[in-house]
Structure formats: C-alpha cells, structure tokens
Protein backbone atom coordinates (compact mmCIF):
# COMPACT_ATOMS: atom_id res chain seq x y z
CA MET A 1 0.00 0.00 0.00
CA PRO A 2 1.37 3.47 -0.84
CA PHE A 3 2.60 5.13 2.35
CA PHE A 4 3.21 8.84 2.85
CA ALA A 5 5.02 9.97 6.00
CA ILE A 6 5.03 13.72 6.69
CA LEU A 7 7.56 15.19 9.13
CA SER A 8 6.27 18.45 10.57
CA LEU A 9 6.31 20.62 13.67
CA PHE A 10 2.54 21.14 13.25
CA PRO A 11 0.86 17.74 12.73
CA GLU A 12 -2.40 19.17 14.04
CA ALA A 13 -2.56 21.38 10.94
CA ILE A 14 -2.19 18.41 8.59
CA GLU A 15 -4.25 15.58 10.04
CA PRO A 16 -7.75 17.07 9.49
CA TYR A 17 -7.17 17.44 5.75
CA LEU A 18 -5.75 13.93 5.39
CA GLY A 19 -8.92 12.58 6.97
CA ALA A 20 -11.31 14.45 4.69
CA SER A 21 -12.68 14.03 1.16
CA ILE A 22 -10.67 11.99 -1.36
CA LEU A 23 -7.70 11.33 0.93
CA GLY A 24 -9.86 10.30 3.86
CA SER A 25 -11.88 7.95 1.66
CA ALA A 26 -8.71 6.42 0.19
CA ARG A 27 -7.36 5.76 3.69
CA GLU A 28 -10.62 4.18 4.83
CA ARG A 29 -10.66 1.87 1.79
CA GLY A 30 -7.08 0.76 2.35
CA LEU A 31 -5.74 2.41 -0.80
CA LEU A 32 -3.42 4.80 0.99
CA ARG A 33 -1.59 5.06 4.28
CA THR A 34 -0.41 8.28 5.92
CA GLN A 35 1.50 9.10 9.09
CA VAL A 36 2.34 12.55 10.41
CA ILE A 37 5.29 12.75 12.80
CA ASP A 38 6.34 15.71 14.94
CA PHE A 39 10.13 15.74 14.76
CA ARG A 40 10.17 17.89 17.89
CA ASP A 41 9.63 14.57 19.68
CA PHE A 42 13.19 13.63 18.74
CA THR A 43 14.88 16.47 20.58
CA ARG A 44 16.96 15.68 23.66
CA ASP A 45 16.89 18.88 25.73
CA ARG A 46 14.20 19.84 28.19
CA HIS A 47 13.09 22.78 26.03
CA ARG A 48 12.59 20.49 23.00
CA THR A 49 14.64 22.84 20.83
CA VAL A 50 14.47 22.27 17.07
CA ASP A 51 16.05 25.51 15.80
CA ASP A 52 19.07 27.73 16.31
CA ARG A 53 20.78 30.84 14.93
CA PRO A 54 22.43 30.39 11.52
CA PHE A 55 26.22 30.45 11.35
CA GLY A 56 27.42 33.69 9.78
CA GLY A 57 24.52 35.69 11.17
CA GLY A 58 21.35 36.82 9.49
CA PRO A 59 17.68 37.02 10.41
CA GLY A 60 15.52 34.18 11.62
CA MET A 61 16.19 30.71 12.92
CA LEU A 62 17.28 27.54 11.17
CA LEU A 63 16.03 23.99 11.76
CA ARG A 64 18.73 21.85 13.37
CA ALA A 65 19.85 18.68 11.63
CA GLU A 66 19.84 16.19 14.52
CA PRO A 67 16.12 16.00 15.44
CA ILE A 68 15.23 15.55 11.77
CA ALA A 69 17.94 12.91 11.31
CA GLU A 70 16.83 10.91 14.34
CA CYS A 71 13.21 11.10 13.22
CA ILE A 72 14.10 9.72 9.78
CA GLU A 73 16.23 6.94 11.28
CA TRP A 74 13.45 5.96 13.69
CA LEU A 75 10.90 5.88 10.86
CA GLU A 76 13.04 3.88 8.43
CA ALA A 77 14.07 1.39 11.11
CA ARG A 78 10.38 0.49 11.41
CA HIS A 79 9.21 0.63 7.81
CA GLY A 80 12.23 0.46 5.52
CA ALA A 81 13.73 3.04 3.19
CA PHE A 82 11.67 5.99 1.95
CA ARG A 83 11.95 8.22 -1.07
CA ARG A 84 12.82 11.44 0.76
CA ILE A 85 11.48 14.81 -0.39
CA ALA A 86 11.96 18.20 1.26
CA LEU A 87 9.49 21.01 0.58
CA CYS A 88 11.50 24.19 0.05
CA PRO A 89 11.62 27.20 -2.34
CA SER A 90 14.93 26.08 -3.87
CA GLY A 91 13.48 22.81 -5.14
CA ARG A 92 12.33 21.58 -8.53
CA VAL A 93 8.94 23.04 -9.39
CA PHE A 94 6.24 20.48 -8.70
CA ARG A 95 4.22 19.79 -11.83
CA GLN A 96 1.75 17.13 -12.93
CA THR A 97 4.55 15.19 -14.61
CA TYR A 98 6.34 14.94 -11.26
CA ALA A 99 3.11 13.77 -9.59
CA ALA A 100 2.74 11.08 -12.27
CA GLU A 101 6.37 10.03 -11.77
CA LEU A 102 5.83 9.63 -8.02
CA ALA A 103 2.58 7.72 -8.53
CA ALA A 104 4.29 5.30 -10.93
CA ASP A 105 7.24 4.87 -8.58
CA LEU A 106 4.95 3.95 -5.68
CA VAL A 107 4.21 0.65 -7.41
CA HIS A 108 7.80 -0.46 -6.81
CA SER A 109 8.86 1.73 -3.87
CA PRO A 110 5.68 2.40 -1.92
CA ARG A 111 7.07 4.76 0.72
CA VAL A 112 7.50 8.55 0.41
CA LEU A 113 8.75 10.83 3.16
CA LEU A 114 7.85 14.53 2.97
CA LEU A 115 9.79 16.96 5.16
CA ALA A 116 7.93 20.19 5.92
CA GLY A 117 10.23 23.05 6.86
CA ARG A 118 9.70 26.15 8.99
CA TYR A 119 11.51 29.38 9.85
CA GLU A 120 14.49 30.08 7.54
CA GLY A 121 14.73 26.48 6.40
CA PHE A 122 16.98 23.50 7.13
CA ASP A 123 20.59 22.98 8.05
CA GLU A 124 21.83 22.00 4.60
CA ARG A 125 23.77 19.05 5.95
CA VAL A 126 20.69 17.00 6.83
CA LEU A 127 19.37 17.31 3.28
CA GLU A 128 22.73 16.25 1.89
CA ALA A 129 23.26 13.38 4.35
CA PHE A 130 19.88 11.80 3.58
CA ASP A 131 19.94 12.54 -0.15
CA PHE A 132 16.72 14.54 -0.21
CA GLU A 133 14.97 15.57 -3.38
CA ARG A 134 13.63 19.12 -3.16
CA ILE A 135 10.22 20.31 -4.33
CA SER A 136 8.81 23.81 -4.63
CA LEU A 137 5.21 24.67 -5.47
CA GLY A 138 6.30 27.82 -7.28
CA ASP A 139 7.95 31.19 -6.97
CA PHE A 140 6.43 32.27 -3.68
CA VAL A 141 7.17 31.69 0.00
CA LEU A 142 4.94 30.21 2.70
CA ALA A 143 5.42 30.04 6.47
CA GLY A 144 6.08 26.30 6.26
CA GLY A 145 5.96 23.17 4.14
CA GLU A 146 2.72 21.72 5.49
CA LEU A 147 0.48 23.01 2.68
CA PRO A 148 2.95 21.96 -0.04
CA ALA A 149 3.20 18.50 1.53
CA LEU A 150 -0.57 18.11 1.40
CA CYS A 151 -0.58 19.29 -2.21
CA VAL A 152 1.96 16.61 -3.14
CA VAL A 153 0.06 13.86 -1.33
CA GLU A 154 -3.26 14.74 -2.96
CA ALA A 155 -1.83 15.28 -6.45
CA VAL A 156 -0.14 11.87 -6.33
CA ALA A 157 -2.91 9.99 -4.51
CA ARG A 158 -5.58 10.88 -7.06
CA LEU A 159 -3.47 9.18 -9.74
CA LEU A 160 -3.43 5.88 -7.84
CA PRO A 161 -5.77 3.09 -8.99
CA GLY A 162 -9.16 3.19 -7.33
CA VAL A 163 -8.75 6.50 -5.51
CA LEU A 164 -11.02 8.50 -7.82
CA GLY A 165 -14.55 7.40 -8.62
CA HIS A 166 -13.88 7.43 -12.36
CA GLU A 167 -10.50 6.40 -13.75
CA GLU A 168 -10.83 8.83 -16.68
CA SER A 169 -11.03 11.81 -14.32
CA ALA A 170 -7.28 12.06 -13.76
CA ARG A 171 -6.45 11.45 -17.42
CA GLN A 172 -8.67 14.33 -18.53
CA ASP A 173 -7.44 16.85 -15.96
CA SER A 174 -5.53 20.00 -16.76
CA PHE A 175 -1.81 19.30 -17.26
CA ALA A 176 -2.35 15.58 -17.90
CA THR A 177 0.33 14.40 -20.31
CA GLY A 178 1.08 11.53 -22.61
CA SER A 179 -2.55 10.81 -23.50
CA LYS A 180 -5.02 11.68 -26.20
CA SER A 181 -8.78 11.87 -26.35
CA PRO A 182 -10.65 8.95 -27.96
CA ALA A 183 -11.43 11.18 -30.91
CA ALA A 184 -7.77 11.96 -31.43
CA GLU A 185 -6.80 8.30 -31.12
CA ASN A 186 -9.30 7.41 -33.83
CA GLY A 187 -8.09 10.27 -35.99
CA ALA A 188 -11.53 11.92 -35.84
CA GLY A 189 -11.28 15.63 -36.36
CA ALA A 190 -7.53 15.69 -35.79
CA GLU A 191 -5.15 17.76 -37.83
CA PRO A 192 -3.41 15.76 -40.58
CA GLY A 193 -0.42 13.98 -39.11
CA LEU A 194 -1.32 14.69 -35.49
CA ALA A 195 -3.35 11.53 -34.94
CA GLU A 196 -0.44 9.40 -36.09
CA ARG A 197 2.11 11.29 -33.99
CA PRO A 198 2.89 9.55 -30.67
CA ALA A 199 1.48 11.38 -27.66
CA SER A 200 3.97 13.84 -26.23
CA THR A 201 5.49 12.99 -22.88
CA THR A 202 6.10 16.63 -22.04
CA GLU A 203 3.27 18.61 -23.62
CA SER A 204 0.10 19.12 -21.63
CA VAL A 205 -3.06 21.14 -22.04
CA LEU A 206 -5.58 22.71 -19.71
CA ASP A 207 -8.87 20.96 -19.11
CA THR A 208 -11.78 21.72 -21.42
CA PRO A 209 -14.59 24.05 -20.20
CA HIS A 210 -17.47 22.21 -18.51
CA TYR A 211 -21.20 23.00 -18.21
CA THR A 212 -24.20 21.56 -16.38
CA ARG A 213 -27.90 22.35 -15.78
CA PRO A 214 -29.65 24.65 -16.42
CA ARG A 215 -29.05 24.90 -20.17
CA THR A 216 -29.56 28.67 -20.00
CA TRP A 217 -28.21 30.52 -16.98
CA ARG A 218 -28.65 34.30 -16.69
CA GLY A 219 -28.83 34.60 -20.43
CA ARG A 220 -25.77 32.45 -21.08
CA GLU A 221 -26.25 29.30 -23.16
CA ALA A 222 -24.31 26.09 -22.74
CA PRO A 223 -22.70 25.06 -26.07
CA ALA A 224 -25.29 23.25 -28.16
CA VAL A 225 -22.84 20.56 -29.25
CA LEU A 226 -22.66 19.23 -25.68
CA LEU A 227 -26.39 18.47 -25.78
CA SER A 228 -26.33 16.95 -29.26
CA GLY A 229 -25.77 13.36 -28.16
CA ASN A 230 -23.14 13.01 -30.88
CA HIS A 231 -20.15 11.73 -28.92
CA GLY A 232 -17.72 12.15 -31.79
CA GLN A 233 -18.62 15.82 -32.19
CA ILE A 234 -18.48 16.34 -28.43
CA GLU A 235 -14.97 14.86 -28.21
CA ARG A 236 -13.78 16.99 -31.13
CA TRP A 237 -15.26 20.10 -29.53
CA ARG A 238 -13.64 19.32 -26.19
CA THR A 239 -10.26 18.72 -27.78
CA ALA A 240 -10.42 22.00 -29.72
CA ALA A 241 -11.73 23.94 -26.69
CA ALA A 242 -8.96 22.60 -24.45
CA LEU A 243 -6.30 23.55 -26.99
CA GLU A 244 -7.78 27.01 -27.45
CA ARG A 245 -7.98 27.62 -23.71
CA THR A 246 -4.34 26.53 -23.38
CA ARG A 247 -3.27 28.73 -26.28
CA GLU A 248 -4.91 31.78 -24.69
CA ARG A 249 -3.98 31.21 -21.04
CA ARG A 250 -0.88 28.99 -21.01
CA PRO A 251 0.77 28.98 -24.46
CA ASP A 252 4.01 27.89 -22.79
CA LEU A 253 2.47 24.43 -22.39
CA LEU A 254 2.13 23.91 -26.14
CA THR A 255 5.47 22.56 -27.23
CA ASP A 256 4.14 21.59 -30.68
CA PRO A 257 3.20 24.74 -32.66
CA ARG A 258 0.94 22.69 -34.92
CA ARG A 259 -1.39 22.05 -32.00
CA SER A 260 -1.59 25.75 -31.21
CA ALA A 261 -2.30 26.49 -34.87
CA ALA A 262 -4.95 23.78 -34.94
CA ALA A 263 -6.73 25.44 -32.03
CA GLU A 264 -6.60 28.78 -33.82
CA ARG A 265 -8.18 27.39 -36.97
CA ARG A 266 -10.99 25.72 -35.02
CA ARG A 267 -12.04 28.61 -32.80
CA ASP A 268 -15.44 28.76 -34.47
CA VAL A 269 -16.14 25.16 -33.39
CA GLN A 270 -16.52 26.36 -29.83
CA HIS A 271 -19.47 28.65 -30.50
C-alpha cells in the first residue's frame, strides 16, 4: 500500500485534511496510508529545541539537523527506506509530470517521506546526508511546508488506482500528459499527421470548459454541441476547446506549434 510519512512541527494542521474528502476515503478503503510525525519529539533537551541561529549571522532561525535525522532513522528502522522529499523554495517546481512520476514509482517503492520546513529552512547538511529531493510549489514563499506536503500527497494519490470514482477523471485533468482523447486516437477531427504522432510525454493542455444544468443561466447558453448526443462531435469540440484555452492562457504548455495552430483554426467550433 502506498505510504506517505510527513515530518512536521505542526501535525495538528495536517491531520484534518488527510482525513477528509478523497484522501480520507482512500485511507478508509485501504488504498493509501499516511503518518504525520512531529520531529520535535526527537529532541533531547528539556526545552525540546528544534532551531538555532544560523552560522554567519542573518535574520531568523534555522532547523537543526539532529532532530530531523533521528526522526528519519526511527521511521526507516520500522518501515524500511523511503523516497525522501523536502518542501523548500529552492526545489524543482512540482508539476503534474512529477506527480505522475511519483505515482508510478509507488508501485515499486511504496514509501514517500515529505519533510515540511519552517523558519528560515533546514541545516543543509541533513538534506545532503539523507539525499533529499527538493520540491517547490512555485515562486512564492509560505510560512512552512505543510500546505505543499498536502498538495503533493493529494496530487499523487488521485493518480493511484481506485482513488477516484472514475478512472478517466485524472487522465482528462488539466496538465495531464502523454494521453489523447478517444477522438484523437481514432483520428476523428484531428489535424493531418497529429493523430499518427505519438502522444507527447512533455506537452500538456488545460482541461476543457465544462457546463451543467440549467441549459440557459442568466442569459448564457451552454454550447449546443454538448447536448447533441453526438459523442464524436463532443470529443472533437472538447479537444479544440482545451487547446484554445491553453493557447490563450498557457501557451508555454504547447510545445508543438501545430497544436496551437490547430486550435486557432478551429475557434469557431466552440461557439
């Protein structure tokens, strides 16, 4: 069973979310295991000190290496080796491709350790000694790594078999890569040459727009094609709409200019 261990000074901030919604359901059904550990419990002084002033001066406090190291050693002595990931601004930007990589890796190495930082960060030596990967959610700074850790757990967990109610949900999400719609796979409505081209492993698109009842809301009509019952036309519309949305909002995701051009030529399909 996939197992996520989160090391944090504030487990009480993490546990409620892990027990709710998709993650809570996955845990109850035995599809996912989580454990949140307060590494303050591995301090040895009466004040339970986890931080200290950085060498060389500067503002703020730095997390000491030893409590984190002892926490990791205690955890791995009981469960075996973990893939170790630290949440910090200097890390690789966490994207859907990374989530998919972690989900695939859990089949063979089912344990992931997420280290949530605080204050000015970690003593660099503990990250080096335990060969941590580093993940950042983006170019902004939070008070700690608890929210990023939860983001990683949820992004990966929803890609695991059985976690979502419908297996197609994850494959049709924004940023999903390496897949094509049924229409594209059949060559229906695709640009010449695109249907035959292998799906890109790096390119991704935003999700298509979605609509539900009522058909008319405050004078705005849902696209008629979605109510046509013609599944081929619906798939072609969704493919074109997703490409157009990506072209307008995130053109950096379109690594193949032909796909961007295809969206441009089919703008009228969306109306």
